[in-house]
PDB file of N, CA and C in Angstrom:
ATOM      1  N   UNK A   1    -101.811  13.850   2.043  1.00  0.00           N
ATOM      2  CA  UNK A   1    -101.092  13.990   0.497  1.00  0.00           C
ATOM      3  C   UNK A   1    -100.245  14.865   1.027  1.00  0.00           C
ATOM      4  N   UNK A   2     -99.108  14.775   0.596  1.00  0.00           N
ATOM      5  CA  UNK A   2     -97.850  15.288   0.593  1.00  0.00           C
ATOM      6  C   UNK A   2     -97.434  16.869   0.528  1.00  0.00           C
ATOM      7  N   UNK A   3     -96.847  17.710   1.388  1.00  0.00           N
ATOM      8  CA  UNK A   3     -96.908  18.782   0.949  1.00  0.00           C
ATOM      9  C   UNK A   3     -96.365  19.063  -0.740  1.00  0.00           C
ATOM     10  N   UNK A   4     -95.314  18.257  -0.665  1.00  0.00           N
ATOM     11  CA  UNK A   4     -94.737  18.416  -2.284  1.00  0.00           C
ATOM     12  C   UNK A   4     -94.996  17.878  -3.131  1.00  0.00           C
ATOM     13  N   UNK A   5     -96.357  17.534  -3.047  1.00  0.00           N
ATOM     14  CA  UNK A   5     -97.268  16.714  -3.850  1.00  0.00           C
ATOM     15  C   UNK A   5     -98.010  18.087  -4.688  1.00  0.00           C
ATOM     16  N   UNK A   6     -98.362  18.329  -3.194  1.00  0.00           N
ATOM     17  CA  UNK A   6     -99.870  19.186  -3.411  1.00  0.00           C
ATOM     18  C   UNK A   6     -98.965  20.737  -4.314  1.00  0.00           C
ATOM     19  N   UNK A   7     -97.389  21.095  -4.070  1.00  0.00           N
ATOM     20  CA  UNK A   7     -96.800  22.194  -4.266  1.00  0.00           C
ATOM     21  C   UNK A   7     -96.092  21.735  -6.002  1.00  0.00           C
ATOM     22  N   UNK A   8     -96.646  20.673  -6.328  1.00  0.00           N
ATOM     23  CA  UNK A   8     -95.900  20.228  -7.723  1.00  0.00           C
ATOM     24  C   UNK A   8     -97.301  20.528  -8.325  1.00  0.00           C
ATOM     25  N   UNK A   9     -98.637  19.774  -7.750  1.00  0.00           N
ATOM     26  CA  UNK A   9     -99.987  20.176  -8.393  1.00  0.00           C
ATOM     27  C   UNK A   9    -100.003  21.773  -8.471  1.00  0.00           C
ATOM     28  N   UNK A  10    -100.034  22.039  -7.858  1.00  0.00           N
ATOM     29  CA  UNK A  10    -100.093  23.911  -7.619  1.00  0.00           C
ATOM     30  C   UNK A  10     -98.699  24.314  -8.894  1.00  0.00           C
ATOM     31  N   UNK A  11     -97.924  23.826  -9.116  1.00  0.00           N
ATOM     32  CA  UNK A  11     -97.365  24.388 -10.219  1.00  0.00           C
ATOM     33  C   UNK A  11     -97.980  24.053 -11.286  1.00  0.00           C
ATOM     34  N   UNK A  12     -98.356  22.822 -11.485  1.00  0.00           N
ATOM     35  CA  UNK A  12     -98.631  22.074 -12.975  1.00  0.00           C
ATOM     36  C   UNK A  12     -99.708  23.229 -13.378  1.00  0.00           C
ATOM     37  N   UNK A  13    -100.781  23.511 -12.037  1.00  0.00           N
ATOM     38  CA  UNK A  13    -101.840  24.521 -12.590  1.00  0.00           C
ATOM     39  C   UNK A  13    -101.543  26.287 -13.047  1.00  0.00           C
ATOM     40  N   UNK A  14    -100.343  26.502 -11.964  1.00  0.00           N
ATOM     41  CA  UNK A  14     -99.996  27.580 -12.521  1.00  0.00           C
ATOM     42  C   UNK A  14     -98.707  28.078 -13.800  1.00  0.00           C
ATOM     43  N   UNK A  15     -98.365  26.717 -14.102  1.00  0.00           N
ATOM     44  CA  UNK A  15     -97.741  26.478 -15.808  1.00  0.00           C
ATOM     45  C   UNK A  15     -98.899  26.359 -16.404  1.00  0.00           C
ATOM     46  N   UNK A  16     -99.517  25.908 -16.170  1.00  0.00           N
ATOM     47  CA  UNK A  16    -101.337  25.672 -17.362  1.00  0.00           C
ATOM     48  C   UNK A  16    -101.838  27.014 -17.565  1.00  0.00           C
ATOM     49  N   UNK A  17    -101.602  27.690 -16.533  1.00  0.00           N
ATOM     50  CA  UNK A  17    -102.486  29.292 -16.071  1.00  0.00           C
ATOM     51  C   UNK A  17    -101.473  30.255 -17.328  1.00  0.00           C
ATOM     52  N   UNK A  18    -100.226  29.984 -17.172  1.00  0.00           N
ATOM     53  CA  UNK A  18     -99.693  30.564 -17.527  1.00  0.00           C
ATOM     54  C   UNK A  18     -99.638  30.456 -19.192  1.00  0.00           C
ATOM     55  N   UNK A  19     -99.665  29.193 -20.085  1.00  0.00           N
ATOM     56  CA  UNK A  19     -99.246  29.027 -21.139  1.00  0.00           C
ATOM     57  C   UNK A  19    -100.523  29.198 -21.559  1.00  0.00           C
ATOM     58  N   UNK A  20    -101.796  29.433 -20.816  1.00  0.00           N
ATOM     59  CA  UNK A  20    -103.098  29.801 -21.498  1.00  0.00           C
ATOM     60  C   UNK A  20    -103.122  31.141 -21.695  1.00  0.00           C
ATOM     61  N   UNK A  21    -102.155  31.655 -21.097  1.00  0.00           N
ATOM     62  CA  UNK A  21    -102.226  33.463 -21.289  1.00  0.00           C
ATOM     63  C   UNK A  21    -102.721  33.920 -19.939  1.00  0.00           C
ATOM     64  N   UNK A  22    -102.912  33.572 -18.948  1.00  0.00           N
ATOM     65  CA  UNK A  22    -103.597  34.240 -18.193  1.00  0.00           C
ATOM     66  C   UNK A  22    -103.029  34.365 -16.862  1.00  0.00           C
ATOM     67  N   UNK A  23    -101.442  33.490 -16.960  1.00  0.00           N
ATOM     68  CA  UNK A  23    -100.373  33.947 -15.973  1.00  0.00           C
ATOM     69  C   UNK A  23     -99.407  34.603 -16.710  1.00  0.00           C
ATOM     70  N   UNK A  24     -98.820  35.895 -16.547  1.00  0.00           N
ATOM     71  CA  UNK A  24     -97.851  36.704 -16.784  1.00  0.00           C
ATOM     72  C   UNK A  24     -96.406  35.752 -16.993  1.00  0.00           C
ATOM     73  N   UNK A  25     -95.235  36.143 -17.586  1.00  0.00           N
ATOM     74  CA  UNK A  25     -94.129  35.877 -17.400  1.00  0.00           C
ATOM     75  C   UNK A  25     -93.522  36.082 -16.085  1.00  0.00           C
ATOM     76  N   UNK A  26     -93.462  37.386 -15.752  1.00  0.00           N
ATOM     77  CA  UNK A  26     -93.144  37.540 -14.264  1.00  0.00           C
ATOM     78  C   UNK A  26     -93.102  36.699 -12.983  1.00  0.00           C
ATOM     79  N   UNK A  27     -94.887  36.677 -13.091  1.00  0.00           N
ATOM     80  CA  UNK A  27     -95.607  36.324 -12.324  1.00  0.00           C
ATOM     81  C   UNK A  27     -95.060  34.567 -11.988  1.00  0.00           C
ATOM     82  N   UNK A  28     -95.145  34.158 -13.221  1.00  0.00           N
ATOM     83  CA  UNK A  28     -94.523  32.375 -13.281  1.00  0.00           C
ATOM     84  C   UNK A  28     -93.248  32.160 -13.122  1.00  0.00           C
ATOM     85  N   UNK A  29     -92.327  33.107 -13.239  1.00  0.00           N
ATOM     86  CA  UNK A  29     -90.776  33.145 -12.482  1.00  0.00           C
ATOM     87  C   UNK A  29     -90.679  33.555 -11.273  1.00  0.00           C
ATOM     88  N   UNK A  30     -91.821  34.097 -10.711  1.00  0.00           N
ATOM     89  CA  UNK A  30     -91.710  34.363  -9.079  1.00  0.00           C
ATOM     90  C   UNK A  30     -92.313  33.157  -8.378  1.00  0.00           C
ATOM     91  N   UNK A  31     -93.591  32.345  -9.048  1.00  0.00           N
ATOM     92  CA  UNK A  31     -93.459  31.471  -8.401  1.00  0.00           C
ATOM     93  C   UNK A  31     -92.986  30.070  -8.550  1.00  0.00           C
ATOM     94  N   UNK A  32     -92.067  30.241 -10.289  1.00  0.00           N
ATOM     95  CA  UNK A  32     -90.810  28.947 -10.064  1.00  0.00           C
ATOM     96  C   UNK A  32     -89.830  29.267  -8.907  1.00  0.00           C
ATOM     97  N   UNK A  33     -89.905  30.441  -8.655  1.00  0.00           N
ATOM     98  CA  UNK A  33     -88.848  30.384  -7.591  1.00  0.00           C
ATOM     99  C   UNK A  33     -88.720  30.379  -6.198  1.00  0.00           C
ATOM    100  N   UNK A  34     -90.396  30.524  -5.704  1.00  0.00           N
ATOM    101  CA  UNK A  34     -91.165  30.186  -4.790  1.00  0.00           C
ATOM    102  C   UNK A  34     -91.120  28.537  -5.005  1.00  0.00           C
ATOM    103  N   UNK A  35     -91.398  27.675  -5.485  1.00  0.00           N
ATOM    104  CA  UNK A  35     -91.459  26.153  -5.723  1.00  0.00           C
ATOM    105  C   UNK A  35     -90.440  25.551  -5.873  1.00  0.00           C
ATOM    106  N   UNK A  36     -88.942  26.240  -6.043  1.00  0.00           N
ATOM    107  CA  UNK A  36     -87.875  25.437  -6.416  1.00  0.00           C
ATOM    108  C   UNK A  36     -87.414  24.644  -4.791  1.00  0.00           C
ATOM    109  N   UNK A  37     -86.902  23.251  -4.793  1.00  0.00           N
ATOM    110  CA  UNK A  37     -86.451  22.530  -3.220  1.00  0.00           C
ATOM    111  C   UNK A  37     -85.532  22.824  -3.347  1.00  0.00           C
ATOM    112  N   UNK A  38     -85.180  22.997  -2.093  1.00  0.00           N
ATOM    113  CA  UNK A  38     -84.116  22.890  -1.544  1.00  0.00           C
ATOM    114  C   UNK A  38     -83.421  21.831  -1.707  1.00  0.00           C
ATOM    115  N   UNK A  39     -81.562  21.739  -1.760  1.00  0.00           N
ATOM    116  CA  UNK A  39     -81.244  20.313  -1.842  1.00  0.00           C
ATOM    117  C   UNK A  39     -80.360  20.490  -0.359  1.00  0.00           C
ATOM    118  N   UNK A  40     -80.684  19.488   0.057  1.00  0.00           N
ATOM    119  CA  UNK A  40     -79.894  18.734   1.048  1.00  0.00           C
ATOM    120  C   UNK A  40     -78.698  18.384   0.968  1.00  0.00           C
ATOM    121  N   UNK A  41     -77.523  19.041   2.057  1.00  0.00           N
ATOM    122  CA  UNK A  41     -76.761  18.179   1.900  1.00  0.00           C
ATOM    123  C   UNK A  41     -76.260  16.620   2.209  1.00  0.00           C
ATOM    124  N   UNK A  42     -74.954  15.603   1.450  1.00  0.00           N
ATOM    125  CA  UNK A  42     -75.398  14.669   0.669  1.00  0.00           C
ATOM    126  C   UNK A  42     -74.114  14.235   1.733  1.00  0.00           C
ATOM    127  N   UNK A  43     -74.525  13.138   2.223  1.00  0.00           N
ATOM    128  CA  UNK A  43     -73.129  12.302   3.304  1.00  0.00           C
ATOM    129  C   UNK A  43     -72.206  11.839   2.736  1.00  0.00           C
ATOM    130  N   UNK A  44     -70.940  11.848   2.874  1.00  0.00           N
ATOM    131  CA  UNK A  44     -69.427  10.692   1.860  1.00  0.00           C
ATOM    132  C   UNK A  44     -70.359   9.390   1.319  1.00  0.00           C
ATOM    133  N   UNK A  45     -70.973   8.786   2.261  1.00  0.00           N
ATOM    134  CA  UNK A  45     -71.516   7.250   2.192  1.00  0.00           C
ATOM    135  C   UNK A  45     -72.447   7.733   1.036  1.00  0.00           C
ATOM    136  N   UNK A  46     -73.793   8.412   1.074  1.00  0.00           N
ATOM    137  CA  UNK A  46     -74.914   8.917   0.129  1.00  0.00           C
ATOM    138  C   UNK A  46     -73.878   8.625  -1.362  1.00  0.00           C
ATOM    139  N   UNK A  47     -73.136   9.631  -1.654  1.00  0.00           N
ATOM    140  CA  UNK A  47     -72.546  10.138  -2.828  1.00  0.00           C
ATOM    141  C   UNK A  47     -71.602   9.086  -3.552  1.00  0.00           C
ATOM    142  N   UNK A  48     -71.082   8.097  -2.418  1.00  0.00           N
ATOM    143  CA  UNK A  48     -70.491   6.851  -2.975  1.00  0.00           C
ATOM    144  C   UNK A  48     -72.124   5.885  -3.371  1.00  0.00           C
ATOM    145  N   UNK A  49     -72.306   5.720  -2.448  1.00  0.00           N
ATOM    146  CA  UNK A  49     -73.763   5.127  -3.075  1.00  0.00           C
ATOM    147  C   UNK A  49     -74.286   4.990  -4.612  1.00  0.00           C
ATOM    148  N   UNK A  50     -74.440   6.559  -4.126  1.00  0.00           N
ATOM    149  CA  UNK A  50     -74.513   7.422  -6.149  1.00  0.00           C
ATOM    150  C   UNK A  50     -74.016   6.116  -7.020  1.00  0.00           C
ATOM    151  N   UNK A  51     -72.552   6.818  -7.112  1.00  0.00           N
ATOM    152  CA  UNK A  51     -71.408   6.416  -8.162  1.00  0.00           C
ATOM    153  C   UNK A  51     -71.380   5.039  -7.989  1.00  0.00           C
ATOM    154  N   UNK A  52     -71.301   4.015  -6.639  1.00  0.00           N
ATOM    155  CA  UNK A  52     -71.364   2.802  -7.070  1.00  0.00           C
ATOM    156  C   UNK A  52     -72.654   1.978  -7.702  1.00  0.00           C
ATOM    157  N   UNK A  53     -74.145   3.014  -7.457  1.00  0.00           N
ATOM    158  CA  UNK A  53     -75.082   2.373  -7.904  1.00  0.00           C
ATOM    159  C   UNK A  53     -75.114   2.469  -9.840  1.00  0.00           C
ATOM    160  N   UNK A  54     -74.323   3.254 -10.078  1.00  0.00           N
ATOM    161  CA  UNK A  54     -73.521   3.963 -11.793  1.00  0.00           C
ATOM    162  C   UNK A  54     -72.841   2.859 -11.984  1.00  0.00           C
ATOM    163  N   UNK A  55     -72.186   1.779 -11.354  1.00  0.00           N
ATOM    164  CA  UNK A  55     -70.670   0.904 -11.673  1.00  0.00           C
ATOM    165  C   UNK A  55     -69.690   1.607 -12.217  1.00  0.00           C
ATOM    166  N   UNK A  56     -69.676   2.966 -11.741  1.00  0.00           N
ATOM    167  CA  UNK A  56     -68.205   3.611 -12.085  1.00  0.00           C
ATOM    168  C   UNK A  56     -66.962   4.042 -11.518  1.00  0.00           C
ATOM    169  N   UNK A  57     -65.848   4.129 -12.001  1.00  0.00           N
ATOM    170  CA  UNK A  57     -65.017   4.462 -11.349  1.00  0.00           C
ATOM    171  C   UNK A  57     -64.989   6.265 -10.553  1.00  0.00           C
ATOM    172  N   UNK A  58     -64.155   7.135  -9.459  1.00  0.00           N
ATOM    173  CA  UNK A  58     -64.543   7.839  -9.202  1.00  0.00           C
ATOM    174  C   UNK A  58     -63.700   8.806  -9.803  1.00  0.00           C
ATOM    175  N   UNK A  59     -62.855   8.401 -10.910  1.00  0.00           N
ATOM    176  CA  UNK A  59     -62.309   9.328 -12.640  1.00  0.00           C
ATOM    177  C   UNK A  59     -63.369   8.961 -13.267  1.00  0.00           C
ATOM    178  N   UNK A  60     -63.757   8.376 -13.840  1.00  0.00           N
ATOM    179  CA  UNK A  60     -65.543   8.265 -14.513  1.00  0.00           C
ATOM    180  C   UNK A  60     -66.179   8.778 -13.982  1.00  0.00           C
ATOM    181  N   UNK A  61     -66.660   9.086 -12.574  1.00  0.00           N
ATOM    182  CA  UNK A  61     -67.514  10.127 -12.139  1.00  0.00           C
ATOM    183  C   UNK A  61     -67.628  11.453 -12.275  1.00  0.00           C
ATOM    184  N   UNK A  62     -66.461  11.659 -12.009  1.00  0.00           N
ATOM    185  CA  UNK A  62     -65.439  12.991 -11.492  1.00  0.00           C
ATOM    186  C   UNK A  62     -65.644  13.398 -13.495  1.00  0.00           C
ATOM    187  N   UNK A  63     -65.626  12.794 -14.028  1.00  0.00           N
ATOM    188  CA  UNK A  63     -65.035  13.701 -15.575  1.00  0.00           C
ATOM    189  C   UNK A  63     -67.036  13.563 -15.926  1.00  0.00           C
ATOM    190  N   UNK A  64     -68.080  12.824 -15.626  1.00  0.00           N
ATOM    191  CA  UNK A  64     -69.395  13.144 -15.677  1.00  0.00           C
ATOM    192  C   UNK A  64     -69.544  14.375 -15.088  1.00  0.00           C
ATOM    193  N   UNK A  65     -69.184  14.764 -13.976  1.00  0.00           N
ATOM    194  CA  UNK A  65     -69.658  16.233 -13.045  1.00  0.00           C
ATOM    195  C   UNK A  65     -68.841  17.501 -13.344  1.00  0.00           C
ATOM    196  N   UNK A  66     -67.776  17.042 -14.309  1.00  0.00           N
ATOM    197  CA  UNK A  66     -66.646  18.351 -14.604  1.00  0.00           C
ATOM    198  C   UNK A  66     -65.954  18.382 -13.204  1.00  0.00           C
ATOM    199  N   UNK A  67     -65.691  17.469 -12.574  1.00  0.00           N
ATOM    200  CA  UNK A  67     -64.488  18.041 -11.287  1.00  0.00           C
ATOM    201  C   UNK A  67     -63.721  17.305 -11.696  1.00  0.00           C
ATOM    202  N   UNK A  68     -62.775  16.942 -10.905  1.00  0.00           N
ATOM    203  CA  UNK A  68     -61.426  15.853 -10.278  1.00  0.00           C
ATOM    204  C   UNK A  68     -61.720  15.408  -9.562  1.00  0.00           C
ATOM    205  N   UNK A  69     -61.196  13.790 -10.016  1.00  0.00           N
ATOM    206  CA  UNK A  69     -61.471  12.686  -9.281  1.00  0.00           C
ATOM    207  C   UNK A  69     -60.778  13.306  -7.735  1.00  0.00           C
ATOM    208  N   UNK A  70     -60.133  13.857  -7.565  1.00  0.00           N
ATOM    209  CA  UNK A  70     -59.406  14.048  -6.434  1.00  0.00           C
ATOM    210  C   UNK A  70     -60.450  15.036  -5.219  1.00  0.00           C
ATOM    211  N   UNK A  71     -61.423  15.535  -6.200  1.00  0.00           N
ATOM    212  CA  UNK A  71     -62.315  16.498  -5.819  1.00  0.00           C
ATOM    213  C   UNK A  71     -63.494  14.921  -4.991  1.00  0.00           C
ATOM    214  N   UNK A  72     -63.918  13.943  -6.051  1.00  0.00           N
ATOM    215  CA  UNK A  72     -64.543  13.033  -5.273  1.00  0.00           C
ATOM    216  C   UNK A  72     -64.610  12.274  -4.624  1.00  0.00           C
ATOM    217  N   UNK A  73     -62.481  12.083  -4.300  1.00  0.00           N
ATOM    218  CA  UNK A  73     -62.567  11.204  -3.026  1.00  0.00           C
ATOM    219  C   UNK A  73     -62.601  11.592  -2.325  1.00  0.00           C
ATOM    220  N   UNK A  74     -62.434  13.186  -2.205  1.00  0.00           N
ATOM    221  CA  UNK A  74     -62.724  13.766  -1.142  1.00  0.00           C
ATOM    222  C   UNK A  74     -63.705  14.011  -0.079  1.00  0.00           C
ATOM    223  N   UNK A  75     -65.075  14.123  -1.409  1.00  0.00           N
ATOM    224  CA  UNK A  75     -66.335  14.262  -1.135  1.00  0.00           C
ATOM    225  C   UNK A  75     -67.328  12.786  -0.306  1.00  0.00           C
ATOM    226  N   UNK A  76     -66.129  11.761  -0.900  1.00  0.00           N
ATOM    227  CA  UNK A  76     -66.203   9.934   0.008  1.00  0.00           C
ATOM    228  C   UNK A  76     -65.864  10.500   0.868  1.00  0.00           C
ATOM    229  N   UNK A  77     -64.762  10.722   0.946  1.00  0.00           N
ATOM    230  CA  UNK A  77     -63.897  10.662   2.530  1.00  0.00           C
ATOM    231  C   UNK A  77     -64.279  10.934   3.846  1.00  0.00           C
ATOM    232  N   UNK A  78     -65.732  12.274   3.096  1.00  0.00           N
ATOM    233  CA  UNK A  78     -65.915  13.518   4.061  1.00  0.00           C
ATOM    234  C   UNK A  78     -64.460  14.592   4.399  1.00  0.00           C
ATOM    235  N   UNK A  79     -63.539  14.392   3.461  1.00  0.00           N
ATOM    236  CA  UNK A  79     -62.932  15.626   3.588  1.00  0.00           C
ATOM    237  C   UNK A  79     -63.260  16.722   3.059  1.00  0.00           C
ATOM    238  N   UNK A  80     -64.138  17.075   2.036  1.00  0.00           N
ATOM    239  CA  UNK A  80     -64.614  17.930   1.505  1.00  0.00           C
ATOM    240  C   UNK A  80     -66.340  17.817   1.801  1.00  0.00           C
ATOM    241  N   UNK A  81     -67.287  18.587   1.070  1.00  0.00           N
ATOM    242  CA  UNK A  81     -68.403  18.965   0.699  1.00  0.00           C
ATOM    243  C   UNK A  81     -68.345  19.462  -0.601  1.00  0.00           C
ATOM    244  N   UNK A  82     -69.489  18.760  -1.473  1.00  0.00           N
ATOM    245  CA  UNK A  82     -69.752  19.165  -2.642  1.00  0.00           C
ATOM    246  C   UNK A  82     -70.889  20.133  -2.146  1.00  0.00           C
ATOM    247  N   UNK A  83     -71.070  21.174  -2.838  1.00  0.00           N
ATOM    248  CA  UNK A  83     -71.661  22.340  -2.984  1.00  0.00           C
ATOM    249  C   UNK A  83     -72.676  22.785  -4.432  1.00  0.00           C
ATOM    250  N   UNK A  84     -73.122  23.708  -4.605  1.00  0.00           N
ATOM    251  CA  UNK A  84     -73.415  24.051  -5.582  1.00  0.00           C
ATOM    252  C   UNK A  84     -74.323  23.757  -6.366  1.00  0.00           C
ATOM    253  N   UNK A  85     -73.693  23.683  -7.508  1.00  0.00           N
ATOM    254  CA  UNK A  85     -73.620  23.285  -8.911  1.00  0.00           C
ATOM    255  C   UNK A  85     -73.914  21.387  -8.748  1.00  0.00           C
ATOM    256  N   UNK A  86     -71.841  20.840  -8.050  1.00  0.00           N
ATOM    257  CA  UNK A  86     -71.975  19.919  -7.910  1.00  0.00           C
ATOM    258  C   UNK A  86     -72.827  18.949  -6.934  1.00  0.00           C
ATOM    259  N   UNK A  87     -73.571  20.009  -6.234  1.00  0.00           N
ATOM    260  CA  UNK A  87     -74.854  19.142  -4.967  1.00  0.00           C
ATOM    261  C   UNK A  87     -76.087  18.827  -6.000  1.00  0.00           C
ATOM    262  N   UNK A  88     -76.410  19.965  -6.886  1.00  0.00           N
ATOM    263  CA  UNK A  88     -77.644  19.821  -7.674  1.00  0.00           C
ATOM    264  C   UNK A  88     -77.150  19.205  -8.668  1.00  0.00           C
ATOM    265  N   UNK A  89     -76.255  18.683  -9.114  1.00  0.00           N
ATOM    266  CA  UNK A  89     -75.877  17.827  -9.953  1.00  0.00           C
ATOM    267  C   UNK A  89     -76.246  16.239  -9.422  1.00  0.00           C
ATOM    268  N   UNK A  90     -75.583  15.941  -8.366  1.00  0.00           N
ATOM    269  CA  UNK A  90     -75.628  14.728  -7.768  1.00  0.00           C
ATOM    270  C   UNK A  90     -76.878  14.780  -7.691  1.00  0.00           C
ATOM    271  N   UNK A  91     -77.148  15.433  -6.781  1.00  0.00           N
ATOM    272  CA  UNK A  91     -79.231  15.463  -6.423  1.00  0.00           C
ATOM    273  C   UNK A  91     -79.917  14.750  -7.618  1.00  0.00           C
ATOM    274  N   UNK A  92     -79.813  15.534  -9.140  1.00  0.00           N
ATOM    275  CA  UNK A  92     -80.760  15.387 -10.509  1.00  0.00           C
ATOM    276  C   UNK A  92     -79.987  13.577 -10.506  1.00  0.00           C
ATOM    277  N   UNK A  93     -78.238  13.053 -10.411  1.00  0.00           N
ATOM    278  CA  UNK A  93     -77.943  11.471 -10.938  1.00  0.00           C
ATOM    279  C   UNK A  93     -78.768  10.715  -9.757  1.00  0.00           C
ATOM    280  N   UNK A  94     -78.458  11.252  -8.585  1.00  0.00           N
ATOM    281  CA  UNK A  94     -79.140  10.188  -7.712  1.00  0.00           C
ATOM    282  C   UNK A  94     -81.071  10.110  -7.887  1.00  0.00           C
ATOM    283  N   UNK A  95     -81.375  10.995  -8.602  1.00  0.00           N
ATOM    284  CA  UNK A  95     -83.043  10.997  -8.715  1.00  0.00           C
ATOM    285  C   UNK A  95     -82.902  10.096 -10.476  1.00  0.00           C
ATOM    286  N   UNK A  96     -82.225  10.547 -11.374  1.00  0.00           N
ATOM    287  CA  UNK A  96     -82.681  10.123 -12.325  1.00  0.00           C
ATOM    288  C   UNK A  96     -81.141   9.691 -13.180  1.00  0.00           C
ATOM    289  N   UNK A  97     -80.548   9.166 -12.152  1.00  0.00           N
ATOM    290  CA  UNK A  97     -79.467   8.354 -13.502  1.00  0.00           C
ATOM    291  C   UNK A  97     -78.428   9.467 -13.803  1.00  0.00           C
ATOM    292  N   UNK A  98     -77.034   8.673 -13.995  1.00  0.00           N
ATOM    293  CA  UNK A  98     -75.857   9.005 -14.994  1.00  0.00           C
ATOM    294  C   UNK A  98     -76.256   9.361 -15.746  1.00  0.00           C
ATOM    295  N   UNK A  99     -77.726   8.745 -16.770  1.00  0.00           N
ATOM    296  CA  UNK A  99     -77.215   9.353 -18.024  1.00  0.00           C
ATOM    297  C   UNK A  99     -77.614  11.037 -18.427  1.00  0.00           C
ATOM    298  N   UNK A 100     -78.275  11.711 -17.799  1.00  0.00           N
ATOM    299  CA  UNK A 100     -78.512  12.883 -17.503  1.00  0.00           C
ATOM    300  C   UNK A 100     -77.389  13.558 -17.714  1.00  0.00           C
ATOM    301  N   UNK A 101     -76.340  13.369 -17.036  1.00  0.00           N
ATOM    302  CA  UNK A 101     -75.119  14.809 -16.802  1.00  0.00           C
ATOM    303  C   UNK A 101     -74.201  14.145 -18.592  1.00  0.00           C
ATOM    304  N   UNK A 102     -74.322  12.720 -19.026  1.00  0.00           N
ATOM    305  CA  UNK A 102     -73.690  12.653 -20.497  1.00  0.00           C
ATOM    306  C   UNK A 102     -73.717  13.507 -21.447  1.00  0.00           C
TER     307      UNK A 102
END
């Protein structure tokens, strides 16, 4: 069993305990913070792959990410790296598709 699967199952159990009133809100928030998965940096090729998989231009991709087309271009060429919210959103789009950002 993978560690992430174990963590997911533990989180589901804690969530059930919280909903039943056994675990308080503060404890649940602390547990949520522990369970947050870190987001790995993305290579320029990976960012381009995500965009091309969605069949959108750099300009449209930028609009969906609420950033500039220049930023997307720089990410794809390696001139700059996305961080923070942009990296999180890219990670979500990679997993769930561009429709989550619309």
